[in-house]
Amino acid sequence: MKHLFSGLLIAVVVMLPGMSLAAGNATMSFAEVTVSAEQGESFDLTVQVQPNGEALDTVRSIVTYDPATLSAQYVTLTGAFDRSAPGNYIDNRTGKVSWGGFTLDGPVSSTTSFVSINFLALQEGTTAVSINGDSRAISAGTENIDPTDLGSSVVTVGAAAVADPTLSLVILESDSHPDQNAWYSNASVNLNWIEIAADSRIASYLYDFDQSSSTDPSTALAAGSTEMTQEVTEDGIYYFHIKGVQTDGRETDVVHHRVQVDTTDPNPIELSVQDAKLLEGESAWFTFATTDDTAGVLQYQIALNSSDFKVQSSPLEMEDLDPGTYFFRVVALDRAGNTAYGSTSVRVYPEGTDVDRPEGYEPASEITAVVSSLSGSDDETASSTQTLITLVLGVLIALGLIYAIARRKKS
C-alpha cells in the first residue's frame, strides 16, 4: 500500500546520537573562527552547514564548550533548515548544545547557516568551542556527514570594562529557561547567578519575580545565595530581577531575566474528513485546525493507523489507499511543547461497491451545512471568546473543503 503525504518525512535518525556514522561529504563549521569578548558580554557563534555535493533534509549540530568560561543562553535557527527538530537542549552544566533542524522545502545542497548560538562570557581566559563528531547531516534517512572535518572557534574573554570599576557585576542565567525568547512548559524556573567582584564584595542580594520588565527588586536574600527556584502558577511572561548590595553599602546594577511559561495544551482540534466512505481510487481529504491561547501553535503532526507521526499541514490529501479502514490521528504542538489530539476514521471500499450515500449526494452539501451552522449562532455568541474561536476554525475547515473539491474536479 502506498500513502502519498504532501510533506517531507523527517528522518528520525537525527534523534539517535549513539548510532554509527556512515561516511559522507557534508561538513559543519563556525562562521566566526575567533571571537573576543569581555566578562559579562554576550556574543553569537553561527554554525554553518556545507553539503559538499550531498542533498540534505535534516541536520543536528552538537557543540561543546567550557561551562566555567562560557554559558549558552539561547539558540536561533538562521538558514535553510528552518524548522526545529524534537530533542533540542542546552546543558550549561556539562557545556553542550544539541540542536537539530529540518526543511520541508526540498533538499539543501548549498552552504547555508544553520543556527546562531548566543553565549555569555563568564570569566577571563581563552577557550575553544567545538562541533562534536556526533553531529548529523541526513539525506532521506542516510547519514552523510564527514565527522573528521568539523569546525571549532577560539574565544578569548577579557576583563570586564565597567563604567564604575568599584561596583561588582551580577551575571544571571537560568538552566531551566535559558532562552529568554522561547516558551517553556516547565513551571519551575531555576535561576542562578555569580558575582564578578570589584574592590567591595557583594554582602547580600535583593530580588523580585513578577510580570514587569523593569522592577527595582526589594526582597532580601541571605548572604552567599547563588541560586533559587520560582514556581509559576499562571501561564504568561515573567521577569526575575536581582541586584547585589556591597559591603560598602552601594548597590550593583539590576539584572533582569525574561521567562515565558505555557503549561496549557492547545484548544481542541477541529478535525474534518471530506467523506468517511470512499471507493478505491478516491482521495481522502482531511482539514484540521486549532488555536493556542498563550504560546501559539507551532505545527501539526499526523499518523495513519500505526504509522509514526509526521509533520503535515492542512488541507491534507491521502491517495492510493487500498480497501480497508483507516484511523487518522492528528496532534497539534504549541511553541512550549504542549499537545492536543484529534482523530477520525475513513473506510475505503473496493471499486464498484454500492456505497450507502444519500440520494443526490454532492460534496458541496457538506460545505453548505458547515456554513449554515455557523451563521445560525452568531447573535447568541457575540460575547463568547471560545465560540468565536470555534467559528473561525469552522470557516477554515469550510475553506479547506472547498480547496479539496476544486482539486478533485481538476484531476
Protein backbone atom coordinates (compact mmCIF):
# COMPACT_ATOMS: atom_id res chain seq x y z
CA MET A 1 0.00 0.00 0.00
CA LYS A 2 1.29 3.44 -0.89
CA HIS A 3 0.45 6.62 1.02
CA LEU A 4 1.44 9.90 -0.60
CA PHE A 5 1.97 12.63 2.01
CA SER A 6 2.30 16.26 0.96
CA GLY A 7 5.17 17.00 3.37
CA LEU A 8 8.69 15.69 3.71
CA LEU A 9 9.07 12.69 6.05
CA ILE A 10 11.51 13.71 8.78
CA ALA A 11 14.48 11.42 9.40
CA VAL A 12 14.22 10.07 12.93
CA VAL A 13 17.90 9.11 12.99
CA VAL A 14 18.70 12.72 13.83
CA MET A 15 17.49 11.88 17.34
CA LEU A 16 19.88 8.95 17.80
CA PRO A 17 23.36 10.27 18.67
CA GLY A 18 24.60 6.79 19.53
CA MET A 19 24.15 5.27 16.08
CA SER A 20 27.18 4.56 13.92
CA LEU A 21 28.13 7.15 11.32
CA ALA A 22 28.35 6.41 7.62
CA ALA A 23 30.97 8.10 5.50
CA GLY A 24 29.81 11.27 3.80
CA ASN A 25 30.98 14.58 2.43
CA ALA A 26 28.91 17.08 4.42
CA THR A 27 30.75 19.20 7.00
CA MET A 28 29.99 21.88 9.59
CA SER A 29 31.98 24.87 10.76
CA PHE A 30 31.65 28.16 12.61
CA ALA A 31 31.34 31.39 10.63
CA GLU A 32 33.46 33.03 13.36
CA VAL A 33 36.89 31.41 13.68
CA THR A 34 38.00 33.70 16.53
CA VAL A 35 35.93 35.81 18.92
CA SER A 36 36.88 38.33 21.60
CA ALA A 37 34.52 39.28 24.41
CA GLU A 38 34.56 40.83 27.86
CA GLN A 39 33.28 39.35 31.10
CA GLY A 40 29.53 39.81 31.24
CA GLU A 41 29.27 40.37 27.49
CA SER A 42 27.15 38.26 25.12
CA PHE A 43 28.24 37.17 21.64
CA ASP A 44 26.99 34.84 18.88
CA LEU A 45 28.61 31.88 17.15
CA THR A 46 27.00 30.74 13.89
CA VAL A 47 27.11 27.10 12.80
CA GLN A 48 27.30 26.67 9.03
CA VAL A 49 26.49 23.51 7.06
CA GLN A 50 28.45 22.64 3.92
CA PRO A 51 26.66 19.83 1.98
CA ASN A 52 29.65 19.38 -0.39
CA GLY A 53 27.59 17.56 -3.02
CA GLU A 54 25.11 15.93 -0.64
CA ALA A 55 21.38 16.76 -0.70
CA LEU A 56 20.42 17.22 2.98
CA ASP A 57 17.00 17.44 4.61
CA THR A 58 17.87 17.19 8.33
CA VAL A 59 20.87 18.24 10.42
CA ARG A 60 21.90 18.31 14.08
CA SER A 61 24.92 20.16 15.45
CA ILE A 62 26.37 19.17 18.81
CA VAL A 63 28.53 21.99 20.15
CA THR A 64 30.78 21.65 23.21
CA TYR A 65 32.40 24.38 25.32
CA ASP A 66 33.91 25.09 28.74
CA PRO A 67 30.96 25.88 31.07
CA ALA A 68 33.26 27.65 33.53
CA THR A 69 34.21 30.21 30.87
CA LEU A 70 31.06 30.40 28.75
CA SER A 71 27.32 29.95 29.26
CA ALA A 72 25.00 29.26 26.32
CA GLN A 73 21.91 31.49 26.53
CA TYR A 74 19.71 30.64 23.55
CA VAL A 75 19.74 29.22 20.02
CA THR A 76 18.13 30.66 16.88
CA LEU A 77 17.58 28.92 13.53
CA THR A 78 19.10 31.11 10.81
CA GLY A 79 19.16 29.35 7.44
CA ALA A 80 17.58 26.79 5.14
CA PHE A 81 16.90 24.25 7.91
CA ASP A 82 14.18 26.45 9.34
CA ARG A 83 12.16 24.01 11.47
CA SER A 84 13.26 22.81 14.90
CA ALA A 85 13.59 19.07 15.46
CA PRO A 86 12.45 17.44 18.71
CA GLY A 87 15.01 16.87 21.47
CA ASN A 88 16.91 20.17 21.30
CA TYR A 89 18.60 21.28 24.51
CA ILE A 90 21.21 23.49 26.20
CA ASP A 91 23.25 21.99 29.06
CA ASN A 92 25.39 24.58 30.85
CA ARG A 93 26.46 22.06 33.49
CA THR A 94 28.44 19.90 31.08
CA GLY A 95 28.92 22.50 28.35
CA LYS A 96 26.87 21.16 25.44
CA VAL A 97 24.31 22.48 22.95
CA SER A 98 22.48 19.87 20.85
CA TRP A 99 20.26 21.42 18.19
CA GLY A 100 18.52 19.77 15.25
CA GLY A 101 16.59 21.25 12.34
CA PHE A 102 14.98 20.18 9.09
CA THR A 103 13.41 21.64 5.96
CA LEU A 104 10.15 20.96 4.14
CA ASP A 105 11.22 22.98 1.09
CA GLY A 106 13.29 20.31 -0.64
CA PRO A 107 16.85 19.04 -0.08
CA VAL A 108 19.60 21.56 0.70
CA SER A 109 22.70 21.22 -1.47
CA SER A 110 24.35 24.65 -1.00
CA THR A 111 26.24 26.01 2.00
CA THR A 112 23.88 27.61 4.49
CA SER A 113 23.95 28.95 8.01
CA PHE A 114 22.12 26.69 10.46
CA VAL A 115 21.93 28.09 13.99
CA SER A 116 23.20 31.10 15.90
CA ILE A 117 24.19 30.27 19.49
CA ASN A 118 24.26 33.15 21.95
CA PHE A 119 26.95 32.80 24.64
CA LEU A 120 27.61 34.79 27.80
CA ALA A 121 31.29 35.29 28.77
CA LEU A 122 31.73 34.34 32.44
CA GLN A 123 35.43 34.61 33.24
CA GLU A 124 38.74 35.63 31.70
CA GLY A 125 40.63 33.14 29.59
CA THR A 126 40.96 31.54 26.17
CA THR A 127 38.84 28.53 25.29
CA ALA A 128 37.72 26.52 22.28
CA VAL A 129 34.13 25.94 21.20
CA SER A 130 33.91 22.82 19.03
CA ILE A 131 31.42 20.98 16.82
CA ASN A 132 31.31 17.41 18.11
CA GLY A 133 31.76 14.36 15.87
CA ASP A 134 28.32 13.08 16.90
CA SER A 135 26.70 15.84 14.83
CA ARG A 136 24.39 14.77 11.99
CA ALA A 137 23.73 15.56 8.31
CA ILE A 138 20.89 13.43 6.94
CA SER A 139 19.58 12.84 3.44
CA ALA A 140 16.40 10.73 3.18
CA GLY A 141 17.39 8.79 6.30
CA THR A 142 21.03 8.27 5.28
CA GLU A 143 23.91 9.79 7.24
CA ASN A 144 26.14 11.97 5.05
CA ILE A 145 28.46 13.77 7.47
CA ASP A 146 32.23 13.66 7.50
CA PRO A 147 32.94 13.52 11.27
CA THR A 148 36.64 14.22 10.71
CA ASP A 149 36.04 17.66 9.22
CA LEU A 150 34.07 19.67 11.80
CA GLY A 151 35.00 23.16 12.88
CA SER A 152 35.90 24.99 16.08
CA SER A 153 36.20 28.58 17.22
CA VAL A 154 38.67 30.15 19.65
CA VAL A 155 37.09 32.53 22.17
CA THR A 156 39.14 34.96 24.23
CA VAL A 157 37.45 36.53 27.23
CA GLY A 158 38.97 39.68 28.68
CA ALA A 159 38.36 41.54 31.92
CA ALA A 160 35.05 43.38 32.12
CA ALA A 161 35.15 47.06 31.28
CA VAL A 162 32.64 48.71 33.60
CA ALA A 163 31.66 52.32 33.96
CA ASP A 164 32.40 52.11 37.69
CA PRO A 165 35.16 49.57 38.42
CA THR A 166 34.33 49.70 42.14
CA LEU A 167 30.91 48.10 41.52
CA SER A 168 30.61 44.33 41.24
CA LEU A 169 28.72 42.70 38.35
CA VAL A 170 25.95 40.10 38.76
CA ILE A 171 25.80 37.50 35.96
CA LEU A 172 22.36 35.85 35.89
CA GLU A 173 21.14 32.79 33.96
CA SER A 174 18.53 30.03 34.07
CA ASP A 175 19.34 26.41 33.30
CA SER A 176 15.62 25.56 33.10
CA HIS A 177 14.57 28.52 30.91
CA PRO A 178 17.79 29.65 29.18
CA ASP A 179 16.30 31.28 26.06
CA GLN A 180 14.51 34.48 27.03
CA ASN A 181 12.58 34.42 23.73
CA ALA A 182 11.39 30.79 23.93
CA TRP A 183 8.27 29.29 25.51
CA TYR A 184 8.56 26.51 28.09
CA SER A 185 6.01 24.11 29.61
CA ASN A 186 8.10 23.84 32.78
CA ALA A 187 6.52 25.91 35.59
CA SER A 188 9.55 25.55 37.89
CA VAL A 189 12.05 28.28 37.00
CA ASN A 190 15.60 27.61 38.20
CA LEU A 191 17.79 30.70 38.41
CA ASN A 192 21.45 31.04 39.33
CA TRP A 193 23.99 33.83 39.38
CA ILE A 194 27.62 34.62 40.06
CA GLU A 195 29.47 37.74 41.15
CA ILE A 196 32.27 39.33 39.17
CA ALA A 197 33.79 41.02 42.18
CA ALA A 198 35.07 44.57 42.48
CA ASP A 199 37.01 46.12 45.39
CA SER A 200 33.94 45.86 47.61
CA ARG A 201 32.32 42.42 47.53
CA ILE A 202 28.58 41.72 47.49
CA ALA A 203 27.27 41.09 51.00
CA SER A 204 23.62 40.30 50.14
CA TYR A 205 21.13 40.34 47.29
CA LEU A 206 17.71 41.85 46.57
CA TYR A 207 15.33 40.14 44.14
CA ASP A 208 11.77 40.06 42.81
CA PHE A 209 9.82 37.83 40.40
CA ASP A 210 6.87 39.48 38.65
CA GLN A 211 5.44 40.44 35.26
CA SER A 212 7.11 43.85 34.95
CA SER A 213 10.28 44.13 32.87
CA SER A 214 11.82 46.97 34.89
CA THR A 215 11.21 46.27 38.59
CA ASP A 216 13.80 47.53 41.09
CA PRO A 217 13.98 44.46 43.38
CA SER A 218 13.43 44.82 47.13
CA THR A 219 13.08 41.29 48.57
CA ALA A 220 16.14 40.33 50.63
CA LEU A 221 18.15 37.16 50.08
CA ALA A 222 20.57 35.65 52.56
CA ALA A 223 24.26 36.38 52.11
CA GLY A 224 26.01 33.82 49.93
CA SER A 225 22.90 32.89 47.92
CA THR A 226 23.71 31.83 44.35
CA GLU A 227 20.50 30.15 43.14
CA MET A 228 16.77 29.82 43.69
CA THR A 229 13.61 28.33 42.16
CA GLN A 230 10.42 30.24 41.37
CA GLU A 231 7.12 28.46 40.74
CA VAL A 232 4.83 29.91 38.06
CA THR A 233 1.13 29.40 38.87
CA GLU A 234 -0.39 31.01 35.75
CA ASP A 235 0.77 30.95 32.14
CA GLY A 236 2.39 34.12 30.87
CA ILE A 237 5.58 36.18 30.66
CA TYR A 238 7.55 36.83 33.84
CA TYR A 239 10.77 38.56 34.85
CA PHE A 240 13.32 37.74 37.54
CA HIS A 241 15.19 40.79 38.85
CA ILE A 242 18.28 40.77 41.06
CA LYS A 243 20.94 43.17 42.33
CA GLY A 244 23.72 42.99 44.87
CA VAL A 245 24.32 45.09 47.98
CA GLN A 246 28.05 45.53 48.56
CA THR A 247 29.83 45.60 51.89
CA ASP A 248 30.31 49.36 51.43
CA GLY A 249 26.51 49.76 51.19
CA ARG A 250 26.31 50.53 47.48
CA GLU A 251 24.07 48.57 45.10
CA THR A 252 25.05 46.96 41.80
CA ASP A 253 23.10 47.40 38.58
CA VAL A 254 19.84 45.42 38.37
CA VAL A 255 19.90 42.36 36.12
CA HIS A 256 16.66 41.06 34.55
CA HIS A 257 15.81 37.64 33.04
CA ARG A 258 12.66 37.11 30.97
CA VAL A 259 10.74 33.83 31.41
CA GLN A 260 7.89 32.61 29.12
CA VAL A 261 5.75 29.80 30.52
CA ASP A 262 2.85 27.94 28.88
CA THR A 263 1.71 24.77 30.65
CA THR A 264 -1.69 24.53 28.92
CA ASP A 265 -2.49 22.32 25.93
CA PRO A 266 -3.80 23.94 22.73
CA ASN A 267 -7.57 24.20 22.33
CA PRO A 268 -9.42 21.11 20.98
CA ILE A 269 -8.62 20.35 17.36
CA GLU A 270 -11.35 20.94 14.79
CA LEU A 271 -10.88 17.91 12.51
CA SER A 272 -12.95 17.10 9.43
CA VAL A 273 -12.80 14.45 6.72
CA GLN A 274 -14.50 15.29 3.44
CA ASP A 275 -16.03 11.82 3.07
CA ALA A 276 -15.76 8.96 5.58
CA LYS A 277 -16.83 6.42 2.94
CA LEU A 278 -14.63 6.19 -0.14
CA LEU A 279 -14.30 3.97 -3.14
CA GLU A 280 -10.93 2.61 -4.13
CA GLY A 281 -9.14 5.25 -6.22
CA GLU A 282 -10.80 8.21 -4.46
CA SER A 283 -8.66 10.54 -2.33
CA ALA A 284 -9.25 11.10 1.36
CA TRP A 285 -9.16 14.80 2.25
CA PHE A 286 -8.64 16.00 5.83
CA THR A 287 -8.72 19.50 7.30
CA PHE A 288 -7.58 20.32 10.83
CA ALA A 289 -7.02 23.50 12.83
CA THR A 290 -6.89 24.83 16.37
CA THR A 291 -5.57 27.77 18.39
CA ASP A 292 -3.38 28.17 21.44
CA ASP A 293 -4.13 30.96 23.89
CA THR A 294 -0.57 31.67 25.06
CA ALA A 295 2.43 30.42 23.08
CA GLY A 296 0.68 29.79 19.74
CA VAL A 297 0.52 26.63 17.59
CA LEU A 298 3.88 25.59 16.14
CA GLN A 299 2.99 22.61 13.94
CA TYR A 300 0.67 19.69 13.25
CA GLN A 301 1.75 16.06 13.03
CA ILE A 302 -0.39 13.24 11.66
CA ALA A 303 -0.35 9.44 11.72
CA LEU A 304 -2.37 6.88 9.79
CA ASN A 305 -3.15 3.65 11.65
CA SER A 306 0.09 2.60 13.41
CA SER A 307 2.49 4.78 11.42
CA ASP A 308 4.80 7.31 13.11
CA PHE A 309 3.62 10.90 13.45
CA LYS A 310 4.92 13.18 10.67
CA VAL A 311 4.76 16.95 10.23
CA GLN A 312 1.94 17.96 7.86
CA SER A 313 -0.25 20.94 7.02
CA SER A 314 -3.98 21.31 6.32
CA PRO A 315 -5.72 20.53 3.99
CA LEU A 316 -4.09 17.11 3.55
CA GLU A 317 -4.81 14.66 0.73
CA MET A 318 -4.15 10.93 1.01
CA GLU A 319 -4.50 8.94 -2.16
CA ASP A 320 -3.88 5.41 -3.45
CA LEU A 321 -5.48 3.87 -0.35
CA ASP A 322 -6.19 0.15 -0.56
CA PRO A 323 -9.60 -1.11 0.63
CA GLY A 324 -9.83 -1.14 4.41
CA THR A 325 -10.45 1.04 7.46
CA TYR A 326 -8.00 3.86 8.23
CA PHE A 327 -7.65 5.55 11.61
CA PHE A 328 -6.43 9.13 11.16
CA ARG A 329 -4.77 10.87 14.14
CA VAL A 330 -3.56 14.46 14.36
CA VAL A 331 -1.62 16.21 17.12
CA ALA A 332 -1.15 19.97 17.46
CA LEU A 333 2.02 21.17 19.20
CA ASP A 334 2.33 24.65 20.64
CA ARG A 335 5.62 26.53 20.96
CA ALA A 336 6.10 25.26 24.51
CA GLY A 337 5.71 21.60 23.52
CA ASN A 338 2.16 21.10 24.81
CA THR A 339 -0.11 18.92 22.69
CA ALA A 340 -3.76 18.43 21.71
CA TYR A 341 -5.04 15.33 19.88
CA GLY A 342 -7.85 14.62 17.46
CA SER A 343 -8.88 11.54 15.49
CA THR A 344 -11.32 10.26 12.91
CA SER A 345 -11.58 7.31 10.55
CA VAL A 346 -12.38 6.56 6.93
CA ARG A 347 -13.48 3.37 5.18
CA VAL A 348 -12.27 2.54 1.67
CA TYR A 349 -14.42 0.06 -0.28
CA PRO A 350 -13.37 -1.93 -3.35
CA GLU A 351 -14.09 -0.26 -6.68
CA GLY A 352 -17.66 -0.92 -7.82
CA THR A 353 -19.07 -1.32 -4.30
CA ASP A 354 -22.51 0.23 -3.81
CA VAL A 355 -21.61 2.69 -1.06
CA ASP A 356 -24.54 3.85 1.04
CA ARG A 357 -24.59 7.55 0.22
CA PRO A 358 -27.64 9.84 0.40
CA GLU A 359 -29.62 10.21 -2.83
CA GLY A 360 -28.36 13.19 -4.77
CA TYR A 361 -25.26 13.34 -2.57
CA GLU A 362 -22.85 16.11 -3.52
CA PRO A 363 -19.65 17.01 -1.60
CA ALA A 364 -20.70 20.67 -1.71
CA SER A 365 -23.62 19.85 0.58
CA GLU A 366 -21.20 19.33 3.45
CA ILE A 367 -19.81 22.83 2.99
CA THR A 368 -23.33 24.27 2.93
CA ALA A 369 -24.11 22.51 6.21
CA VAL A 370 -20.96 23.88 7.86
CA VAL A 371 -21.63 27.46 6.74
CA SER A 372 -25.29 27.19 7.81
CA SER A 373 -24.38 26.01 11.31
CA LEU A 374 -22.03 28.96 11.70
CA SER A 375 -24.43 31.69 10.58
CA GLY A 376 -27.27 30.41 12.75
CA SER A 377 -25.50 31.07 16.04
CA ASP A 378 -23.89 34.49 15.52
CA ASP A 379 -26.33 36.51 17.63
CA GLU A 380 -26.18 34.20 20.62
CA THR A 381 -22.42 34.07 20.92
CA ALA A 382 -21.13 37.52 20.07
CA SER A 383 -19.60 37.90 23.53
CA SER A 384 -18.12 34.41 23.86
CA THR A 385 -14.41 34.11 23.10
CA GLN A 386 -14.43 30.34 22.93
CA THR A 387 -17.33 30.30 20.48
CA LEU A 388 -15.56 32.90 18.35
CA ILE A 389 -12.60 30.56 18.13
CA THR A 390 -14.91 27.74 17.02
CA LEU A 391 -16.43 29.95 14.33
CA VAL A 392 -13.02 30.84 12.92
CA LEU A 393 -11.99 27.20 12.88
CA GLY A 394 -15.24 26.27 11.14
CA VAL A 395 -14.51 28.76 8.37
CA LEU A 396 -11.02 27.30 7.99
CA ILE A 397 -12.50 23.83 7.62
CA ALA A 398 -15.01 25.05 5.03
CA LEU A 399 -12.27 26.72 3.02
CA GLY A 400 -10.22 23.55 3.20
CA LEU A 401 -13.13 21.51 1.85
CA ILE A 402 -13.67 23.96 -1.00
CA TYR A 403 -10.00 23.68 -1.86
CA ALA A 404 -10.21 19.88 -1.78
CA ILE A 405 -13.22 19.79 -4.11
CA ALA A 406 -11.60 22.16 -6.56
CA ARG A 407 -8.53 19.95 -6.65
CA ARG A 408 -10.61 16.85 -7.27
CA LYS A 409 -12.53 18.44 -10.14
CA LYS A 410 -9.27 19.42 -11.82
CA SER A 411 -7.87 15.90 -11.54
